[in-house]
N, C-alpha and C. Protein backbone atom coordinates (compact mmCIF):
# COMPACT_ATOMS: atom_id res chain seq x y z
N MET A 1 144.75 83.15 117.76
CA MET A 1 143.62 84.46 117.71
C MET A 1 143.60 84.64 119.46
N SER A 2 143.71 85.90 119.46
CA SER A 2 143.08 86.37 120.93
C SER A 2 141.94 86.10 121.29
N ARG A 3 141.47 86.40 122.26
CA ARG A 3 140.31 86.09 123.00
C ARG A 3 139.44 87.78 122.85
N SER A 4 140.14 88.81 122.48
CA SER A 4 139.65 89.99 122.15
C SER A 4 139.68 90.12 121.04
N ASP A 5 139.72 89.33 119.70
CA ASP A 5 139.59 89.32 118.51
C ASP A 5 138.34 89.12 118.38
N ILE A 6 137.71 89.82 117.25
CA ILE A 6 136.17 89.74 116.84
C ILE A 6 136.03 88.61 115.73
N GLU A 7 135.22 87.45 115.96
CA GLU A 7 134.93 86.15 115.44
C GLU A 7 133.74 86.40 114.73
N ARG A 8 133.87 85.86 113.12
CA ARG A 8 132.87 86.04 112.68
C ARG A 8 131.93 84.59 112.33
N ARG A 9 130.57 84.69 112.06
CA ARG A 9 130.12 83.24 111.63
C ARG A 9 128.70 83.70 110.80
N GLN A 10 128.41 82.89 109.78
CA GLN A 10 127.08 83.12 108.52
C GLN A 10 126.23 82.46 108.66
N ALA A 11 124.89 82.95 108.59
CA ALA A 11 124.28 81.76 108.41
C ALA A 11 122.98 82.23 107.05
N ALA A 12 121.93 81.25 106.94
CA ALA A 12 121.63 81.62 105.59
C ALA A 12 119.94 81.98 106.16
N GLU A 13 119.36 81.99 106.82
CA GLU A 13 118.11 82.03 106.98
C GLU A 13 117.49 83.85 106.86
N LEU A 14 116.69 84.49 105.86
CA LEU A 14 116.01 85.92 106.45
C LEU A 14 115.30 85.75 105.30
N ARG A 15 114.38 87.13 105.72
CA ARG A 15 112.94 86.99 104.60
C ARG A 15 113.27 89.01 104.36
N ALA A 16 112.31 89.20 103.45
CA ALA A 16 112.43 90.47 103.44
C ALA A 16 110.70 90.89 103.08
N SER A 17 110.72 91.83 103.51
CA SER A 17 109.12 92.75 103.55
C SER A 17 109.23 94.04 103.16
N GLY A 18 109.36 94.34 101.98
CA GLY A 18 109.43 95.74 101.82
C GLY A 18 110.75 96.47 102.20
N ARG A 19 110.96 97.16 103.49
CA ARG A 19 111.89 97.60 103.44
C ARG A 19 112.64 97.39 104.86
N LYS A 20 111.64 96.24 104.91
CA LYS A 20 112.18 95.34 105.82
C LYS A 20 112.68 93.81 106.29
N LEU A 21 113.91 93.28 106.43
CA LEU A 21 114.46 91.97 106.61
C LEU A 21 113.97 91.35 108.04
N VAL A 22 113.86 90.19 107.78
CA VAL A 22 113.29 89.14 109.14
C VAL A 22 113.82 87.73 108.87
N GLY A 23 114.40 87.27 110.17
CA GLY A 23 114.83 86.09 110.12
C GLY A 23 115.63 85.96 111.03
N TYR A 24 116.59 84.74 110.71
CA TYR A 24 117.59 84.30 111.95
C TYR A 24 118.63 84.21 111.78
N VAL A 25 119.51 85.42 112.92
CA VAL A 25 121.34 85.66 112.54
C VAL A 25 121.63 84.23 112.69
N ALA A 26 121.14 83.36 113.75
CA ALA A 26 121.88 82.21 114.12
C ALA A 26 120.74 81.38 114.97
N LYS A 27 120.79 80.20 114.81
CA LYS A 27 120.09 79.02 115.06
C LYS A 27 120.79 77.77 115.82
N PHE A 28 120.02 77.93 116.90
CA PHE A 28 120.67 77.17 118.20
C PHE A 28 120.83 75.61 117.91
N ASP A 29 122.00 74.99 118.47
CA ASP A 29 122.36 73.79 118.47
C ASP A 29 122.39 73.23 116.93
N SER A 30 122.67 74.31 115.90
CA SER A 30 122.99 73.76 114.73
C SER A 30 124.59 73.54 114.25
N GLU A 31 125.10 72.52 113.85
CA GLU A 31 126.21 72.23 114.20
C GLU A 31 127.05 72.96 112.52
N THR A 32 127.92 73.38 112.48
CA THR A 32 128.60 73.59 111.47
C THR A 32 130.13 73.77 111.16
N ARG A 33 131.03 73.60 110.70
CA ARG A 33 132.08 73.25 110.49
C ARG A 33 133.30 74.99 110.21
N VAL A 34 134.02 75.06 111.24
CA VAL A 34 134.80 76.23 111.07
C VAL A 34 136.36 76.24 111.15
N GLY A 35 136.74 75.93 109.90
CA GLY A 35 138.42 75.55 109.41
C GLY A 35 138.49 74.57 109.89
N SER A 36 139.20 74.22 110.95
CA SER A 36 139.73 72.51 111.50
C SER A 36 138.99 72.14 112.46
N PHE A 37 137.84 72.85 113.15
CA PHE A 37 136.91 72.37 114.06
C PHE A 37 135.69 72.37 114.13
N ARG A 38 134.58 72.07 114.59
CA ARG A 38 132.93 72.01 114.43
C ARG A 38 132.58 73.21 115.37
N GLU A 39 131.42 73.91 115.22
CA GLU A 39 130.86 74.80 116.05
C GLU A 39 129.13 74.27 116.28
N LYS A 40 128.71 74.79 117.36
CA LYS A 40 127.41 74.91 117.53
C LYS A 40 127.28 76.21 118.57
N ILE A 41 125.99 76.35 118.69
CA ILE A 41 125.41 77.72 119.55
C ILE A 41 124.79 76.98 120.49
N ALA A 42 124.92 77.46 121.71
CA ALA A 42 123.59 77.12 123.12
C ALA A 42 122.99 77.90 123.09
N ARG A 43 121.70 77.05 123.55
CA ARG A 43 120.94 78.23 123.68
C ARG A 43 120.95 79.26 124.93
N GLY A 44 120.76 80.58 124.95
CA GLY A 44 121.09 81.30 125.80
C GLY A 44 122.55 82.10 125.19
N ALA A 45 123.07 81.60 124.28
CA ALA A 45 124.47 82.59 124.04
C ALA A 45 124.63 84.12 123.94
N PHE A 46 123.18 84.33 123.57
CA PHE A 46 123.33 85.76 123.56
C PHE A 46 122.50 86.61 124.59
N THR A 47 121.95 85.61 125.37
CA THR A 47 121.18 86.57 126.62
C THR A 47 121.70 87.39 127.42
N ALA A 48 122.82 87.35 127.44
CA ALA A 48 123.61 88.57 128.64
C ALA A 48 124.13 89.97 128.03
N SER A 49 124.40 89.46 126.21
CA SER A 49 124.37 90.56 125.49
C SER A 49 123.62 90.99 124.76
N LEU A 50 122.23 90.79 125.09
CA LEU A 50 121.09 91.46 124.55
C LEU A 50 120.89 92.23 125.62
N ALA A 51 120.90 91.56 127.10
CA ALA A 51 120.30 92.53 128.24
C ALA A 51 121.13 93.50 128.44
N SER A 52 122.40 93.56 127.84
CA SER A 52 123.34 94.78 128.25
C SER A 52 123.27 96.06 128.08
N GLY A 53 122.50 95.96 126.93
CA GLY A 53 121.86 97.46 126.20
C GLY A 53 122.85 97.96 125.27
N ALA A 54 124.05 97.16 124.98
CA ALA A 54 124.91 97.73 123.97
C ALA A 54 124.42 97.85 122.60
N ASP A 55 124.81 98.99 121.95
CA ASP A 55 124.52 99.28 120.67
C ASP A 55 125.01 98.40 119.86
N ILE A 56 124.13 97.06 119.07
CA ILE A 56 124.52 96.38 117.93
C ILE A 56 124.30 96.68 116.65
N LEU A 57 125.26 96.74 115.94
CA LEU A 57 125.23 97.11 114.43
C LEU A 57 124.49 96.25 113.43
N ALA A 58 123.91 96.69 112.77
CA ALA A 58 123.16 95.84 111.42
C ALA A 58 124.47 96.10 110.34
N LEU A 59 125.22 95.66 109.86
CA LEU A 59 126.15 96.15 108.39
C LEU A 59 125.92 95.04 107.34
N ALA A 60 126.16 95.20 106.43
CA ALA A 60 126.25 95.04 104.81
C ALA A 60 127.70 94.18 105.28
N ASP A 61 127.80 93.14 104.91
CA ASP A 61 129.23 92.45 104.76
C ASP A 61 130.36 92.71 105.80
N HIS A 62 129.74 92.93 107.02
CA HIS A 62 130.77 93.32 107.91
C HIS A 62 131.18 94.48 107.66
N ASP A 63 131.34 95.27 106.95
CA ASP A 63 131.71 96.26 106.49
C ASP A 63 130.81 97.77 107.07
N PRO A 64 132.24 98.21 108.46
CA PRO A 64 131.46 99.15 109.22
C PRO A 64 131.09 100.52 108.58
N ALA A 65 131.41 100.58 107.39
CA ALA A 65 131.37 102.06 106.58
C ALA A 65 129.84 101.90 105.93
N ALA A 66 129.28 100.47 105.85
CA ALA A 66 127.98 100.29 105.46
C ALA A 66 126.83 99.42 106.78
N VAL A 67 126.75 100.46 107.07
CA VAL A 67 125.65 100.37 108.14
C VAL A 67 124.35 100.37 107.54
N LEU A 68 123.51 99.58 108.30
CA LEU A 68 121.86 99.48 107.85
C LEU A 68 121.36 99.88 108.67
N GLY A 69 121.86 99.68 110.18
CA GLY A 69 120.65 99.77 111.54
C GLY A 69 121.59 99.56 112.87
N ARG A 70 120.56 99.92 113.72
CA ARG A 70 121.63 99.70 115.10
C ARG A 70 120.20 99.34 116.08
N THR A 71 120.46 99.13 117.10
CA THR A 71 119.71 98.71 118.15
C THR A 71 119.13 100.02 118.85
N ARG A 72 120.75 100.77 118.79
CA ARG A 72 120.26 102.32 119.79
C ARG A 72 118.78 102.67 118.93
N SER A 73 119.11 103.15 117.72
CA SER A 73 118.14 103.75 116.99
C SER A 73 116.77 103.26 116.74
N GLY A 74 116.61 102.08 117.01
CA GLY A 74 115.51 101.07 117.07
C GLY A 74 114.98 100.27 115.40
N THR A 75 116.37 100.61 114.62
CA THR A 75 115.87 100.00 113.41
C THR A 75 116.47 98.62 112.90
N LEU A 76 116.76 98.55 114.62
CA LEU A 76 117.55 96.93 114.70
C LEU A 76 116.78 96.36 115.71
N ALA A 77 116.27 95.37 115.82
CA ALA A 77 115.84 94.82 116.69
C ALA A 77 115.92 93.47 116.93
N LEU A 78 116.46 92.60 118.07
CA LEU A 78 117.09 91.37 118.52
C LEU A 78 116.26 90.78 119.37
N ARG A 79 116.46 89.54 119.12
CA ARG A 79 115.43 88.63 120.20
C ARG A 79 115.88 87.23 120.41
N GLU A 80 116.26 86.51 121.58
CA GLU A 80 116.40 85.14 121.40
C GLU A 80 114.66 84.18 121.20
N ASP A 81 114.64 83.39 120.83
CA ASP A 81 113.48 82.67 120.96
C ASP A 81 113.75 81.10 121.32
N ALA A 82 112.95 80.54 121.15
CA ALA A 82 113.27 78.98 121.04
C ALA A 82 114.17 78.14 120.24
N ASP A 83 114.29 79.17 119.01
CA ASP A 83 114.73 78.32 117.53
C ASP A 83 116.37 79.26 117.38
N GLY A 84 116.25 80.37 118.06
CA GLY A 84 117.97 81.24 117.79
C GLY A 84 117.94 82.60 117.91
N LEU A 85 118.69 83.31 117.40
CA LEU A 85 118.64 84.73 117.33
C LEU A 85 117.90 85.13 116.48
N ALA A 86 116.69 86.08 116.54
CA ALA A 86 115.69 86.14 115.63
C ALA A 86 116.19 87.72 115.57
N PHE A 87 116.04 88.39 114.35
CA PHE A 87 115.79 89.84 114.19
C PHE A 87 115.13 90.45 112.70
N GLU A 88 114.69 91.68 112.94
CA GLU A 88 114.05 92.48 112.34
C GLU A 88 115.00 93.78 111.90
N LEU A 89 115.31 93.81 110.36
CA LEU A 89 116.19 95.10 110.08
C LEU A 89 114.92 96.19 109.34
N THR A 90 114.97 97.36 109.60
CA THR A 90 114.18 98.48 108.77
C THR A 90 115.40 98.77 107.78
N LEU A 91 115.27 98.10 106.92
CA LEU A 91 116.65 99.13 105.79
C LEU A 91 116.44 100.41 105.73
N PRO A 92 117.66 100.83 105.65
CA PRO A 92 117.75 102.58 105.04
C PRO A 92 117.15 102.94 103.60
N ASP A 93 116.72 104.06 103.22
CA ASP A 93 117.03 104.23 101.88
C ASP A 93 117.62 104.97 101.61
N THR A 94 118.68 104.00 101.23
CA THR A 94 119.89 104.37 100.45
C THR A 94 120.34 103.15 99.35
N GLN A 95 121.19 103.37 98.77
CA GLN A 95 121.40 102.49 97.22
C GLN A 95 121.50 101.42 98.28
N LYS A 96 122.46 101.13 98.61
CA LYS A 96 122.66 99.55 99.35
C LYS A 96 121.37 99.10 100.13
N GLY A 97 120.75 99.90 100.60
CA GLY A 97 119.27 99.41 101.53
C GLY A 97 118.89 98.61 100.18
N ARG A 98 118.21 99.88 99.34
CA ARG A 98 117.51 99.31 98.11
C ARG A 98 118.10 97.70 97.30
N ASP A 99 119.35 97.84 97.12
CA ASP A 99 119.88 96.87 96.63
C ASP A 99 119.62 95.63 97.58
N LEU A 100 119.81 95.81 98.45
CA LEU A 100 119.76 94.46 99.45
C LEU A 100 118.53 93.69 99.69
N ALA A 101 117.24 95.05 99.72
CA ALA A 101 115.75 94.44 99.53
C ALA A 101 115.72 94.01 98.46
N ALA A 102 116.00 94.59 96.99
CA ALA A 102 115.85 93.69 96.00
C ALA A 102 116.57 92.51 95.77
N LEU A 103 117.66 91.99 96.23
CA LEU A 103 118.38 91.04 96.33
C LEU A 103 117.53 89.93 97.36
N ALA A 104 116.78 90.25 98.46
CA ALA A 104 116.28 89.40 99.28
C ALA A 104 114.69 89.11 98.62
N GLU A 105 114.33 89.94 98.06
CA GLU A 105 113.20 89.52 97.12
C GLU A 105 113.05 88.44 96.39
N ARG A 106 114.30 88.81 95.47
CA ARG A 106 114.77 87.37 94.33
C ARG A 106 115.20 86.45 94.99
N GLY A 107 115.44 86.40 96.47
CA GLY A 107 115.92 85.05 97.40
C GLY A 107 117.75 85.11 96.71
N ASP A 108 118.11 85.98 96.37
CA ASP A 108 119.99 86.10 95.89
C ASP A 108 121.01 86.22 97.00
N LEU A 109 120.36 86.76 98.22
CA LEU A 109 121.35 87.07 99.06
C LEU A 109 121.56 85.64 100.19
N GLY A 110 122.98 85.71 100.42
CA GLY A 110 123.46 84.31 100.96
C GLY A 110 123.00 84.15 101.83
N GLY A 111 122.77 85.18 102.93
CA GLY A 111 122.13 84.80 104.37
C GLY A 111 122.68 85.99 105.49
N MET A 112 122.46 85.70 106.44
CA MET A 112 122.99 86.52 107.89
C MET A 112 124.69 86.24 108.64
N SER A 113 125.19 86.83 109.03
CA SER A 113 126.41 86.49 109.98
C SER A 113 126.31 87.52 110.57
N PHE A 114 127.37 86.56 111.97
CA PHE A 114 127.19 87.87 113.16
C PHE A 114 128.65 87.88 113.73
N GLY A 115 129.16 88.95 114.06
CA GLY A 115 130.96 89.22 114.55
C GLY A 115 130.47 89.61 116.39
N PHE A 116 131.19 88.51 116.80
CA PHE A 116 131.22 88.46 118.31
C PHE A 116 132.70 88.57 118.72
N ARG A 117 132.65 88.16 119.97
CA ARG A 117 133.91 88.07 121.23
C ARG A 117 133.27 86.96 122.23
N VAL A 118 134.16 86.40 122.25
CA VAL A 118 133.82 85.08 123.60
C VAL A 118 135.12 85.37 124.26
N HIS A 119 134.61 85.82 125.36
CA HIS A 119 135.33 86.05 126.91
C HIS A 119 135.72 84.85 127.57
N ASP A 120 136.56 85.02 128.55
CA ASP A 120 136.91 83.44 129.09
C ASP A 120 135.62 82.87 129.91
N GLY A 121 135.31 81.78 129.65
CA GLY A 121 134.25 80.73 130.00
C GLY A 121 133.05 80.64 128.80
N GLY A 122 133.16 81.35 127.78
CA GLY A 122 131.98 81.41 127.37
C GLY A 122 131.92 80.59 126.29
N ASP A 123 132.52 79.66 126.37
CA ASP A 123 132.71 78.68 125.03
C ASP A 123 133.05 77.25 125.70
N THR A 124 132.88 76.27 125.46
CA THR A 124 133.35 74.72 126.15
C THR A 124 133.78 73.97 124.65
N TRP A 125 134.97 73.34 124.69
CA TRP A 125 135.53 72.13 123.85
C TRP A 125 135.36 71.11 124.61
N SER A 126 134.80 70.19 123.34
CA SER A 126 134.58 68.35 123.41
C SER A 126 135.48 68.13 122.01
N GLY A 127 136.30 67.79 122.26
CA GLY A 127 137.42 67.56 121.28
C GLY A 127 137.74 68.44 119.87
N ASP A 128 137.10 68.31 119.12
CA ASP A 128 137.04 69.26 117.80
C ASP A 128 135.70 70.08 117.70
N LEU A 129 134.97 70.20 118.76
CA LEU A 129 133.65 70.61 118.50
C LEU A 129 133.75 71.73 120.22
N ARG A 130 133.43 72.79 119.36
CA ARG A 130 133.42 74.18 120.47
C ARG A 130 131.84 74.68 120.35
N GLU A 131 131.24 74.75 121.44
CA GLU A 131 129.78 75.44 121.52
C GLU A 131 130.00 76.56 122.36
N LEU A 132 129.70 77.35 121.51
CA LEU A 132 129.51 78.67 122.48
C LEU A 132 128.61 78.92 123.33
N ARG A 133 128.95 79.43 124.33
CA ARG A 133 127.42 79.75 125.76
C ARG A 133 127.52 81.05 126.12
N ASN A 134 128.37 81.85 126.03
CA ASN A 134 128.14 83.19 126.00
C ASN A 134 128.95 84.32 125.48
N VAL A 135 128.47 84.67 124.29
CA VAL A 135 129.04 85.69 123.41
C VAL A 135 128.89 87.06 123.53
N GLU A 136 129.95 87.99 123.17
CA GLU A 136 129.74 89.17 123.13
C GLU A 136 129.29 89.45 121.62
N LEU A 137 128.09 89.89 121.85
CA LEU A 137 127.46 90.20 119.80
C LEU A 137 128.23 91.53 119.78
N ARG A 138 128.72 91.50 118.66
CA ARG A 138 128.92 93.06 118.28
C ARG A 138 128.31 93.69 117.21
N GLU A 139 128.13 92.81 116.28
CA GLU A 139 127.28 93.49 115.14
C GLU A 139 126.70 92.15 114.41
N ILE A 140 125.51 92.47 113.48
CA ILE A 140 125.32 91.39 112.53
C ILE A 140 125.12 92.19 111.26
N SER A 141 125.22 91.00 110.38
CA SER A 141 125.26 91.30 108.92
C SER A 141 124.84 90.80 107.84
N VAL A 142 124.12 91.63 107.18
CA VAL A 142 123.60 90.70 105.56
C VAL A 142 124.79 90.56 104.88
N VAL A 143 124.80 89.31 104.21
CA VAL A 143 125.78 89.01 103.47
C VAL A 143 125.09 88.19 102.09
N GLN A 144 126.04 88.79 101.14
CA GLN A 144 125.61 88.47 99.66
C GLN A 144 126.25 87.40 99.40
N SER A 145 127.11 86.25 100.10
CA SER A 145 128.04 85.50 99.99
C SER A 145 127.37 83.68 100.46
N TRP A 146 128.60 82.94 101.10
CA TRP A 146 127.75 81.73 101.46
C TRP A 146 127.82 81.89 103.12
N PRO A 147 126.79 81.42 103.50
CA PRO A 147 126.70 81.53 105.20
C PRO A 147 127.36 80.00 105.61
N ALA A 148 128.20 80.46 107.09
CA ALA A 148 128.88 79.08 107.76
C ALA A 148 127.57 78.44 108.36
N TYR A 149 126.70 78.71 108.97
CA TYR A 149 125.33 78.13 109.66
C TYR A 149 124.54 78.01 108.37
N GLY A 150 124.10 77.09 108.04
CA GLY A 150 123.12 77.19 106.29
C GLY A 150 121.65 77.36 107.20
N GLU A 151 121.75 77.04 108.24
CA GLU A 151 119.94 76.50 109.17
C GLU A 151 119.67 78.28 109.35
N THR A 152 120.02 79.32 108.89
CA THR A 152 119.56 80.41 109.64
C THR A 152 118.94 81.17 108.37
N GLU A 153 117.84 81.88 108.18
CA GLU A 153 117.59 82.47 107.52
C GLU A 153 116.99 84.41 107.32
N VAL A 154 116.76 84.82 106.04
CA VAL A 154 116.56 85.92 106.02
C VAL A 154 115.45 86.39 104.71
N SER A 155 114.31 87.19 104.97
CA SER A 155 113.58 87.60 103.80
C SER A 155 113.27 88.85 103.84
N VAL A 156 112.62 89.10 102.95
CA VAL A 156 111.84 90.62 103.24
C VAL A 156 110.18 90.35 103.15
N ARG A 157 109.48 91.43 103.88
CA ARG A 157 108.15 91.53 103.90
C ARG A 157 107.68 92.31 103.22
N SER A 158 106.84 92.31 102.83
CA SER A 158 105.92 93.65 102.27
C SER A 158 104.51 93.23 102.18
N ARG A 159 103.48 94.41 101.92
CA ARG A 159 102.34 94.37 101.40
C ARG A 159 102.57 94.84 99.93
N GLN A 160 101.66 93.71 99.16
CA GLN A 160 101.41 94.33 97.74
C GLN A 160 100.59 95.04 97.37
N PRO A 161 101.28 96.43 96.45
CA PRO A 161 100.21 96.95 96.04
C PRO A 161 99.10 96.44 94.95
N GLU A 162 97.88 96.85 95.36
CA GLU A 162 96.44 96.66 94.35
C GLU A 162 96.30 97.40 92.84
N GLY A 163 96.12 96.89 92.30
CA GLY A 163 95.90 98.07 90.83
C GLY A 163 97.03 98.61 90.17
N GLN A 164 97.04 98.72 89.14
CA GLN A 164 98.26 99.58 88.19
C GLN A 164 98.44 100.68 88.99
N LEU A 165 97.77 101.76 89.23
CA LEU A 165 98.08 102.95 89.51
C LEU A 165 99.18 102.77 90.83
N ALA A 166 98.62 101.85 91.88
CA ALA A 166 99.29 101.75 92.98
C ALA A 166 100.67 100.98 93.05
N LEU A 167 100.41 100.24 91.71
CA LEU A 167 101.52 99.62 91.59
C LEU A 167 102.99 100.80 91.19
N LEU A 168 102.30 101.74 90.05
CA LEU A 168 103.27 102.68 89.37
C LEU A 168 103.36 103.67 90.63
N HIS A 169 102.50 104.03 91.95
CA HIS A 169 102.67 105.09 92.88
C HIS A 169 103.81 104.08 93.81
N TYR A 170 103.68 102.51 93.77
CA TYR A 170 104.93 102.06 94.60
C TYR A 170 106.38 102.53 94.16
N TRP A 171 105.94 102.04 92.70
CA TRP A 171 107.70 102.15 91.79
C TRP A 171 108.24 103.60 92.11
N LEU A 172 107.34 104.63 91.85
CA LEU A 172 107.98 106.04 92.06
C LEU A 172 108.46 105.88 93.59
N GLU A 173 107.65 105.74 94.54
CA GLU A 173 108.20 105.89 96.05
C GLU A 173 109.63 105.17 95.89
N THR A 174 109.74 103.95 95.32
CA THR A 174 111.05 103.19 95.71
C THR A 174 111.98 103.71 94.60
N VAL A 175 111.85 104.94 94.04
CA VAL A 175 113.08 105.04 93.12
C VAL A 175 113.55 106.51 93.41
N ARG A 176 112.40 107.69 94.22
CA ARG A 176 113.09 108.33 94.72
C ARG A 176 114.40 108.48 95.42
């Protein structure tokens, strides 16, 4: 694989809140097996990429035809904190967006993933352990299958309607 190829890693922490998904795309210092080697992400691995102002996409299952949001429009927010790369994604009012919100509310999504490039000097090796130290983040993806990094999360956040009339109104708004 050349240094210019985009690599993808999956992770599992997400929460849903109405039309928003929140969680972690990647957790620092969490080791996983990728084929014939182990890998972990160092603190600050995404700092330069986030500071660059590049437009980072949110996709469904790494499909460029299934854009869910992007940093340029403000529908995707990314930040590094002490735990890892956190995200907040406002889902579009599309069939894919509604489906993903429903799956997240039920806890049926596999997790999160990210596509990245590693430039020279952006990783270090110690035996079969690769540490990602500086990556060019290209996209994040909501995945419906299995994550490579089991420590991450995604979930939906929402306000629950009160009363039967509010519930009916809420339902009508979601099926429009």
